[in-house]
Amino acid sequence: MQKIALITSGIVFGLLALSHAIRWLSPVEILVNGQILPFITSLSSGIILALLSIWMFLAARKTKFSINKNKEDN
């Protein structure tokens, strides 16, 4: 179950990193409380999210897949 969670979080972090990269490459301005969010914020966030995604996939590769079944001893 842990391997599935690591892969899922790796995919989510990867998609978020991709969205930040798209924002970096396209001239889209994001307003937060009337202020324009700087592009460097998206770049740094994208790099951090990409690194987290890579980390999750590497951790999933090292983790063995196992299903834990709850067994009660009577």
N, C-alpha and C. Protein backbone atom coordinates (compact mmCIF):
# COMPACT_ATOMS: atom_id res chain seq x y z
N MET A 1 0.82 -1.19 0.00
CA MET A 1 0.00 0.00 0.00
C MET A 1 0.87 1.26 0.00
N GLN A 2 2.02 1.20 0.64
CA GLN A 2 2.90 2.35 0.70
C GLN A 2 3.42 2.71 -0.68
N LYS A 3 3.69 1.71 -1.51
CA LYS A 3 4.21 1.96 -2.85
C LYS A 3 3.17 2.70 -3.70
N ILE A 4 1.92 2.34 -3.58
CA ILE A 4 0.86 3.01 -4.32
C ILE A 4 0.75 4.47 -3.89
N ALA A 5 0.87 4.73 -2.60
CA ALA A 5 0.81 6.10 -2.09
C ALA A 5 1.99 6.93 -2.60
N LEU A 6 3.17 6.34 -2.65
CA LEU A 6 4.34 7.05 -3.15
C LEU A 6 4.20 7.37 -4.64
N ILE A 7 3.70 6.44 -5.41
CA ILE A 7 3.51 6.68 -6.85
C ILE A 7 2.44 7.75 -7.07
N THR A 8 1.36 7.69 -6.30
CA THR A 8 0.30 8.69 -6.43
C THR A 8 0.81 10.08 -6.09
N SER A 9 1.55 10.20 -5.01
CA SER A 9 2.07 11.52 -4.65
C SER A 9 3.11 11.98 -5.66
N GLY A 10 3.88 11.07 -6.23
CA GLY A 10 4.83 11.44 -7.28
C GLY A 10 4.13 11.99 -8.51
N ILE A 11 2.99 11.38 -8.87
CA ILE A 11 2.21 11.87 -10.01
C ILE A 11 1.63 13.26 -9.71
N VAL A 12 1.09 13.43 -8.52
CA VAL A 12 0.50 14.72 -8.15
C VAL A 12 1.57 15.81 -8.15
N PHE A 13 2.72 15.54 -7.53
CA PHE A 13 3.80 16.53 -7.52
C PHE A 13 4.29 16.82 -8.94
N GLY A 14 4.33 15.80 -9.79
CA GLY A 14 4.76 15.99 -11.17
C GLY A 14 3.80 16.86 -11.96
N LEU A 15 2.50 16.64 -11.76
CA LEU A 15 1.50 17.46 -12.45
C LEU A 15 1.55 18.91 -11.98
N LEU A 16 1.75 19.11 -10.70
CA LEU A 16 1.87 20.47 -10.19
C LEU A 16 3.14 21.15 -10.72
N ALA A 17 4.24 20.41 -10.80
CA ALA A 17 5.47 20.96 -11.36
C ALA A 17 5.26 21.33 -12.82
N LEU A 18 4.54 20.49 -13.56
CA LEU A 18 4.25 20.78 -14.95
C LEU A 18 3.40 22.04 -15.10
N SER A 19 2.43 22.23 -14.21
CA SER A 19 1.61 23.44 -14.28
C SER A 19 2.44 24.69 -14.00
N HIS A 20 3.40 24.59 -13.10
CA HIS A 20 4.28 25.74 -12.84
C HIS A 20 5.20 26.00 -14.03
N ALA A 21 5.64 24.95 -14.69
CA ALA A 21 6.49 25.12 -15.88
C ALA A 21 5.69 25.77 -17.01
N ILE A 22 4.43 25.38 -17.17
CA ILE A 22 3.58 25.99 -18.21
C ILE A 22 3.37 27.47 -17.90
N ARG A 23 3.16 27.78 -16.65
CA ARG A 23 2.99 29.19 -16.26
C ARG A 23 4.28 29.97 -16.52
N TRP A 24 5.41 29.33 -16.31
CA TRP A 24 6.70 29.99 -16.54
C TRP A 24 6.90 30.26 -18.02
N LEU A 25 6.48 29.32 -18.88
CA LEU A 25 6.69 29.46 -20.31
C LEU A 25 5.64 30.34 -21.01
N SER A 26 4.48 30.47 -20.42
CA SER A 26 3.43 31.30 -21.04
C SER A 26 3.28 32.61 -20.26
N PRO A 27 2.93 33.66 -20.95
CA PRO A 27 2.84 34.97 -20.28
C PRO A 27 1.52 35.16 -19.54
N VAL A 28 1.28 34.34 -18.55
CA VAL A 28 0.05 34.45 -17.75
C VAL A 28 0.40 35.11 -16.43
N GLU A 29 -0.34 36.17 -16.11
CA GLU A 29 -0.12 36.85 -14.84
C GLU A 29 -1.15 36.37 -13.84
N ILE A 30 -0.70 36.12 -12.62
CA ILE A 30 -1.58 35.69 -11.55
C ILE A 30 -1.63 36.80 -10.51
N LEU A 31 -2.85 37.22 -10.18
CA LEU A 31 -3.04 38.27 -9.18
C LEU A 31 -3.39 37.65 -7.84
N VAL A 32 -2.67 38.08 -6.81
CA VAL A 32 -2.96 37.65 -5.45
C VAL A 32 -3.14 38.91 -4.61
N ASN A 33 -4.34 39.12 -4.17
CA ASN A 33 -4.66 40.28 -3.35
C ASN A 33 -4.30 41.59 -4.07
N GLY A 34 -4.52 41.63 -5.38
CA GLY A 34 -4.24 42.82 -6.17
C GLY A 34 -2.79 42.96 -6.60
N GLN A 35 -1.92 42.07 -6.19
CA GLN A 35 -0.50 42.11 -6.55
C GLN A 35 -0.20 41.01 -7.56
N ILE A 36 0.67 41.30 -8.53
CA ILE A 36 1.07 40.29 -9.51
C ILE A 36 2.10 39.35 -8.87
N LEU A 37 1.83 38.06 -8.96
CA LEU A 37 2.74 37.05 -8.43
C LEU A 37 3.95 36.95 -9.35
N PRO A 38 5.17 37.13 -8.85
CA PRO A 38 6.35 37.09 -9.71
C PRO A 38 6.57 35.71 -10.34
N PHE A 39 7.16 35.71 -11.54
CA PHE A 39 7.43 34.45 -12.24
C PHE A 39 8.46 33.61 -11.50
N ILE A 40 9.35 34.24 -10.75
CA ILE A 40 10.37 33.49 -10.02
C ILE A 40 9.73 32.59 -8.97
N THR A 41 8.55 32.98 -8.49
CA THR A 41 7.83 32.15 -7.52
C THR A 41 7.41 30.84 -8.17
N SER A 42 6.89 30.92 -9.40
CA SER A 42 6.50 29.70 -10.11
C SER A 42 7.72 28.86 -10.46
N LEU A 43 8.81 29.50 -10.83
CA LEU A 43 10.01 28.74 -11.17
C LEU A 43 10.54 27.98 -9.95
N SER A 44 10.66 28.67 -8.83
CA SER A 44 11.19 28.00 -7.63
C SER A 44 10.22 26.92 -7.13
N SER A 45 8.93 27.21 -7.18
CA SER A 45 7.94 26.20 -6.76
C SER A 45 7.97 24.99 -7.68
N GLY A 46 8.11 25.24 -8.98
CA GLY A 46 8.17 24.14 -9.94
C GLY A 46 9.38 23.26 -9.73
N ILE A 47 10.52 23.87 -9.42
CA ILE A 47 11.73 23.09 -9.18
C ILE A 47 11.58 22.23 -7.92
N ILE A 48 11.03 22.83 -6.87
CA ILE A 48 10.83 22.09 -5.62
C ILE A 48 9.85 20.93 -5.84
N LEU A 49 8.75 21.19 -6.56
CA LEU A 49 7.77 20.14 -6.82
C LEU A 49 8.33 19.04 -7.70
N ALA A 50 9.17 19.41 -8.68
CA ALA A 50 9.79 18.39 -9.54
C ALA A 50 10.74 17.51 -8.72
N LEU A 51 11.49 18.12 -7.83
CA LEU A 51 12.39 17.34 -6.97
C LEU A 51 11.61 16.41 -6.04
N LEU A 52 10.50 16.90 -5.50
CA LEU A 52 9.66 16.04 -4.66
C LEU A 52 9.08 14.87 -5.47
N SER A 53 8.69 15.14 -6.71
CA SER A 53 8.15 14.08 -7.56
C SER A 53 9.21 13.01 -7.83
N ILE A 54 10.41 13.44 -8.15
CA ILE A 54 11.51 12.49 -8.40
C ILE A 54 11.80 11.68 -7.14
N TRP A 55 11.80 12.35 -6.00
CA TRP A 55 12.06 11.68 -4.73
C TRP A 55 11.01 10.60 -4.46
N MET A 56 9.73 10.91 -4.72
CA MET A 56 8.67 9.94 -4.48
C MET A 56 8.81 8.73 -5.40
N PHE A 57 9.14 8.96 -6.68
CA PHE A 57 9.31 7.83 -7.59
C PHE A 57 10.52 6.98 -7.22
N LEU A 58 11.60 7.60 -6.77
CA LEU A 58 12.77 6.84 -6.34
C LEU A 58 12.46 6.02 -5.08
N ALA A 59 11.71 6.62 -4.16
CA ALA A 59 11.32 5.90 -2.95
C ALA A 59 10.38 4.74 -3.28
N ALA A 60 9.50 4.95 -4.27
CA ALA A 60 8.59 3.88 -4.67
C ALA A 60 9.35 2.73 -5.32
N ARG A 61 10.41 3.06 -6.05
CA ARG A 61 11.21 2.01 -6.70
C ARG A 61 11.90 1.14 -5.66
N LYS A 62 12.32 1.73 -4.54
CA LYS A 62 13.03 0.97 -3.50
C LYS A 62 12.09 0.19 -2.59
N THR A 63 10.81 0.56 -2.60
CA THR A 63 9.83 -0.08 -1.72
C THR A 63 9.26 -1.32 -2.39
N LYS A 64 9.17 -2.39 -1.63
CA LYS A 64 8.57 -3.61 -2.15
C LYS A 64 7.07 -3.52 -2.03
N PHE A 65 6.38 -4.06 -3.03
CA PHE A 65 4.92 -4.07 -3.01
C PHE A 65 4.43 -5.21 -2.13
N SER A 66 3.63 -4.86 -1.14
CA SER A 66 3.06 -5.89 -0.27
C SER A 66 1.69 -5.44 0.20
N ILE A 67 0.81 -6.41 0.32
CA ILE A 67 -0.53 -6.13 0.83
C ILE A 67 -0.62 -6.75 2.20
N ASN A 68 -0.88 -5.92 3.19
CA ASN A 68 -1.00 -6.40 4.57
C ASN A 68 -2.46 -6.73 4.84
N LYS A 69 -2.69 -7.97 5.20
CA LYS A 69 -4.03 -8.40 5.55
C LYS A 69 -4.10 -8.57 7.06
N ASN A 70 -5.16 -8.03 7.63
CA ASN A 70 -5.34 -8.16 9.06
C ASN A 70 -5.89 -9.55 9.37
N LYS A 71 -5.13 -10.29 10.14
CA LYS A 71 -5.56 -11.63 10.54
C LYS A 71 -5.68 -11.66 12.06
N GLU A 72 -6.78 -12.17 12.49
CA GLU A 72 -6.98 -12.29 13.92
C GLU A 72 -6.73 -13.75 14.31
N ASP A 73 -5.96 -13.94 15.34
CA ASP A 73 -5.72 -15.28 15.87
C ASP A 73 -6.77 -15.61 16.92
N ASN A 74 -7.47 -16.69 16.72
CA ASN A 74 -8.49 -17.12 17.68
C ASN A 74 -7.95 -18.23 18.54
